[in-house]
Amino acid sequence: MVIGVCQLELFLHENFSLKGKRQVLRSIVQRARKKFNISIAEVADQDLWQKAVLGICAVGNDRKLVNSILDQVVNFIENTQLTDVADSQIEIINY
C-alpha cells in the first residue's frame, strides 16, 4: 500500500473575511474531492483570512499513480484562479 500526503499553502487574494475564506475553500475542497476521490481538509491557519493550509491524502497500490494524482490535484487547485499556491510539499510513504 502506498500513501501520498500533500500539504498546500494557499494565499487568498481579495479576501477580507473568514466567511469569504470558508466559501472559497469549501468550493475548492468539494470540487477536488469529486474530481479526484481524495481526502482533503484545511489543517492549519483557520483563523487567518488570507492564508490557508490544506492537507491532501491519496492511497493506492502504485507509487507513480499516487504521485500523479497528487500532482494533478495541485495543478487543479492552481488553475482554479481562486487562490495562489504559495508552497506545496508531497511525501510518498510505502506501508
C-alpha atoms as a PDB file:
ATOM      1  CA  MET A   1       0.000   0.000   0.000  1.00  0.00           C
ATOM      2  CA  VAL A   2       1.259   3.455  -0.932  1.00  0.00           C
ATOM      3  CA  ILE A   3       0.109   6.585   0.901  1.00  0.00           C
ATOM      4  CA  GLY A   4       0.637  10.027  -0.603  1.00  0.00           C
ATOM      5  CA  VAL A   5       0.395  13.125   1.559  1.00  0.00           C
ATOM      6  CA  CYS A   6       0.467  16.689   0.288  1.00  0.00           C
ATOM      7  CA  GLN A   7       0.479  19.958   2.191  1.00  0.00           C
ATOM      8  CA  LEU A   8      -0.563  23.042   0.233  1.00  0.00           C
ATOM      9  CA  GLU A   9      -0.104  26.560   1.494  1.00  0.00           C
ATOM     10  CA  LEU A  10      -2.561  28.910  -0.191  1.00  0.00           C
ATOM     11  CA  PHE A  11      -2.829  32.694  -0.344  1.00  0.00           C
ATOM     12  CA  LEU A  12      -6.285  34.115  -0.971  1.00  0.00           C
ATOM     13  CA  HIS A  13      -6.132  37.497  -2.706  1.00  0.00           C
ATOM     14  CA  GLU A  14      -9.084  39.854  -2.459  1.00  0.00           C
ATOM     15  CA  ASN A  15     -10.425  38.062   0.594  1.00  0.00           C
ATOM     16  CA  PHE A  16     -11.243  40.170   3.632  1.00  0.00           C
ATOM     17  CA  SER A  17     -13.181  37.888   5.985  1.00  0.00           C
ATOM     18  CA  LEU A  18     -13.232  34.367   7.380  1.00  0.00           C
ATOM     19  CA  LYS A  19     -16.650  33.888   5.780  1.00  0.00           C
ATOM     20  CA  GLY A  20     -15.183  34.626   2.338  1.00  0.00           C
ATOM     21  CA  LYS A  21     -12.279  32.264   3.042  1.00  0.00           C
ATOM     22  CA  ARG A  22     -14.672  29.465   4.017  1.00  0.00           C
ATOM     23  CA  GLN A  23     -16.658  29.929   0.786  1.00  0.00           C
ATOM     24  CA  VAL A  24     -13.554  29.723  -1.387  1.00  0.00           C
ATOM     25  CA  LEU A  25     -12.114  26.722   0.468  1.00  0.00           C
ATOM     26  CA  ARG A  26     -15.442  24.886   0.505  1.00  0.00           C
ATOM     27  CA  SER A  27     -15.638  25.262  -3.279  1.00  0.00           C
ATOM     28  CA  ILE A  28     -12.065  24.035  -3.806  1.00  0.00           C
ATOM     29  CA  VAL A  29     -12.420  21.108  -1.387  1.00  0.00           C
ATOM     30  CA  GLN A  30     -15.732  19.891  -2.833  1.00  0.00           C
ATOM     31  CA  ARG A  31     -14.539  20.120  -6.430  1.00  0.00           C
ATOM     32  CA  ALA A  32     -11.249  18.342  -5.673  1.00  0.00           C
ATOM     33  CA  ARG A  33     -12.977  15.544  -3.717  1.00  0.00           C
ATOM     34  CA  LYS A  34     -15.454  14.964  -6.518  1.00  0.00           C
ATOM     35  CA  LYS A  35     -12.896  15.017  -9.321  1.00  0.00           C
ATOM     36  CA  PHE A  36     -10.056  13.016  -7.718  1.00  0.00           C
ATOM     37  CA  ASN A  37     -11.635  10.906  -4.919  1.00  0.00           C
ATOM     38  CA  ILE A  38      -9.126  12.108  -2.312  1.00  0.00           C
ATOM     39  CA  SER A  39      -9.198  13.149   1.317  1.00  0.00           C
ATOM     40  CA  ILE A  40      -8.710  16.891   1.711  1.00  0.00           C
ATOM     41  CA  ALA A  41      -9.175  19.304   4.626  1.00  0.00           C
ATOM     42  CA  GLU A  42      -7.967  22.616   5.999  1.00  0.00           C
ATOM     43  CA  VAL A  43      -5.311  21.675   8.559  1.00  0.00           C
ATOM     44  CA  ALA A  44      -3.796  24.962   9.773  1.00  0.00           C
ATOM     45  CA  ASP A  45      -4.240  28.732   9.932  1.00  0.00           C
ATOM     46  CA  GLN A  46      -8.016  28.514  10.323  1.00  0.00           C
ATOM     47  CA  ASP A  47      -8.135  31.950  11.968  1.00  0.00           C
ATOM     48  CA  LEU A  48      -6.263  33.818   9.209  1.00  0.00           C
ATOM     49  CA  TRP A  49      -8.441  35.156   6.411  1.00  0.00           C
ATOM     50  CA  GLN A  50      -5.891  35.397   3.577  1.00  0.00           C
ATOM     51  CA  LYS A  51      -3.889  32.236   4.238  1.00  0.00           C
ATOM     52  CA  ALA A  52      -4.910  28.581   4.291  1.00  0.00           C
ATOM     53  CA  VAL A  53      -3.127  25.267   4.592  1.00  0.00           C
ATOM     54  CA  LEU A  54      -4.746  22.213   3.034  1.00  0.00           C
ATOM     55  CA  GLY A  55      -3.816  18.616   3.780  1.00  0.00           C
ATOM     56  CA  ILE A  56      -4.439  16.137   0.961  1.00  0.00           C
ATOM     57  CA  CYS A  57      -4.138  12.355   1.080  1.00  0.00           C
ATOM     58  CA  ALA A  58      -4.363   9.692  -1.622  1.00  0.00           C
ATOM     59  CA  VAL A  59      -3.977   5.938  -1.211  1.00  0.00           C
ATOM     60  CA  GLY A  60      -3.204   3.352  -3.866  1.00  0.00           C
ATOM     61  CA  ASN A  61      -1.033   0.398  -4.749  1.00  0.00           C
ATOM     62  CA  ASP A  62       1.328   2.143  -7.191  1.00  0.00           C
ATOM     63  CA  ARG A  63       3.773   4.884  -6.227  1.00  0.00           C
ATOM     64  CA  LYS A  64       3.640   6.560  -9.650  1.00  0.00           C
ATOM     65  CA  LEU A  65      -0.163   6.638  -9.622  1.00  0.00           C
ATOM     66  CA  VAL A  66      -0.394   8.200  -6.153  1.00  0.00           C
ATOM     67  CA  ASN A  67       2.245  10.808  -7.004  1.00  0.00           C
ATOM     68  CA  SER A  68       0.468  11.570 -10.271  1.00  0.00           C
ATOM     69  CA  ILE A  69      -2.871  12.056  -8.503  1.00  0.00           C
ATOM     70  CA  LEU A  70      -1.360  14.485  -6.007  1.00  0.00           C
ATOM     71  CA  ASP A  71       0.376  16.415  -8.805  1.00  0.00           C
ATOM     72  CA  GLN A  72      -2.934  16.655 -10.668  1.00  0.00           C
ATOM     73  CA  VAL A  73      -4.690  17.929  -7.543  1.00  0.00           C
ATOM     74  CA  VAL A  74      -2.053  20.646  -7.046  1.00  0.00           C
ATOM     75  CA  ASN A  75      -2.348  21.672 -10.716  1.00  0.00           C
ATOM     76  CA  PHE A  76      -6.143  21.657 -10.465  1.00  0.00           C
ATOM     77  CA  ILE A  77      -6.104  23.959  -7.427  1.00  0.00           C
ATOM     78  CA  GLU A  78      -3.573  26.277  -9.097  1.00  0.00           C
ATOM     79  CA  ASN A  79      -5.778  26.504 -12.199  1.00  0.00           C
ATOM     80  CA  THR A  80      -8.966  27.419 -10.303  1.00  0.00           C
ATOM     81  CA  GLN A  81      -7.802  31.059 -10.208  1.00  0.00           C
ATOM     82  CA  LEU A  82      -9.383  31.345  -6.735  1.00  0.00           C
ATOM     83  CA  THR A  83      -6.081  31.200  -4.845  1.00  0.00           C
ATOM     84  CA  ASP A  84      -2.340  31.280  -5.318  1.00  0.00           C
ATOM     85  CA  VAL A  85      -0.339  28.249  -4.225  1.00  0.00           C
ATOM     86  CA  ALA A  86       2.489  29.651  -2.112  1.00  0.00           C
ATOM     87  CA  ASP A  87       4.082  26.291  -1.285  1.00  0.00           C
ATOM     88  CA  SER A  88       3.448  22.592  -1.807  1.00  0.00           C
ATOM     89  CA  GLN A  89       5.097  19.547  -0.296  1.00  0.00           C
ATOM     90  CA  ILE A  90       4.435  15.968  -1.330  1.00  0.00           C
ATOM     91  CA  GLU A  91       5.556  12.899   0.581  1.00  0.00           C
ATOM     92  CA  ILE A  92       5.027   9.303  -0.568  1.00  0.00           C
ATOM     93  CA  ILE A  93       5.047   6.576   2.080  1.00  0.00           C
ATOM     94  CA  ASN A  94       5.276   2.856   1.359  1.00  0.00           C
ATOM     95  CA  TYR A  95       3.397   0.955   4.022  1.00  0.00           C
END
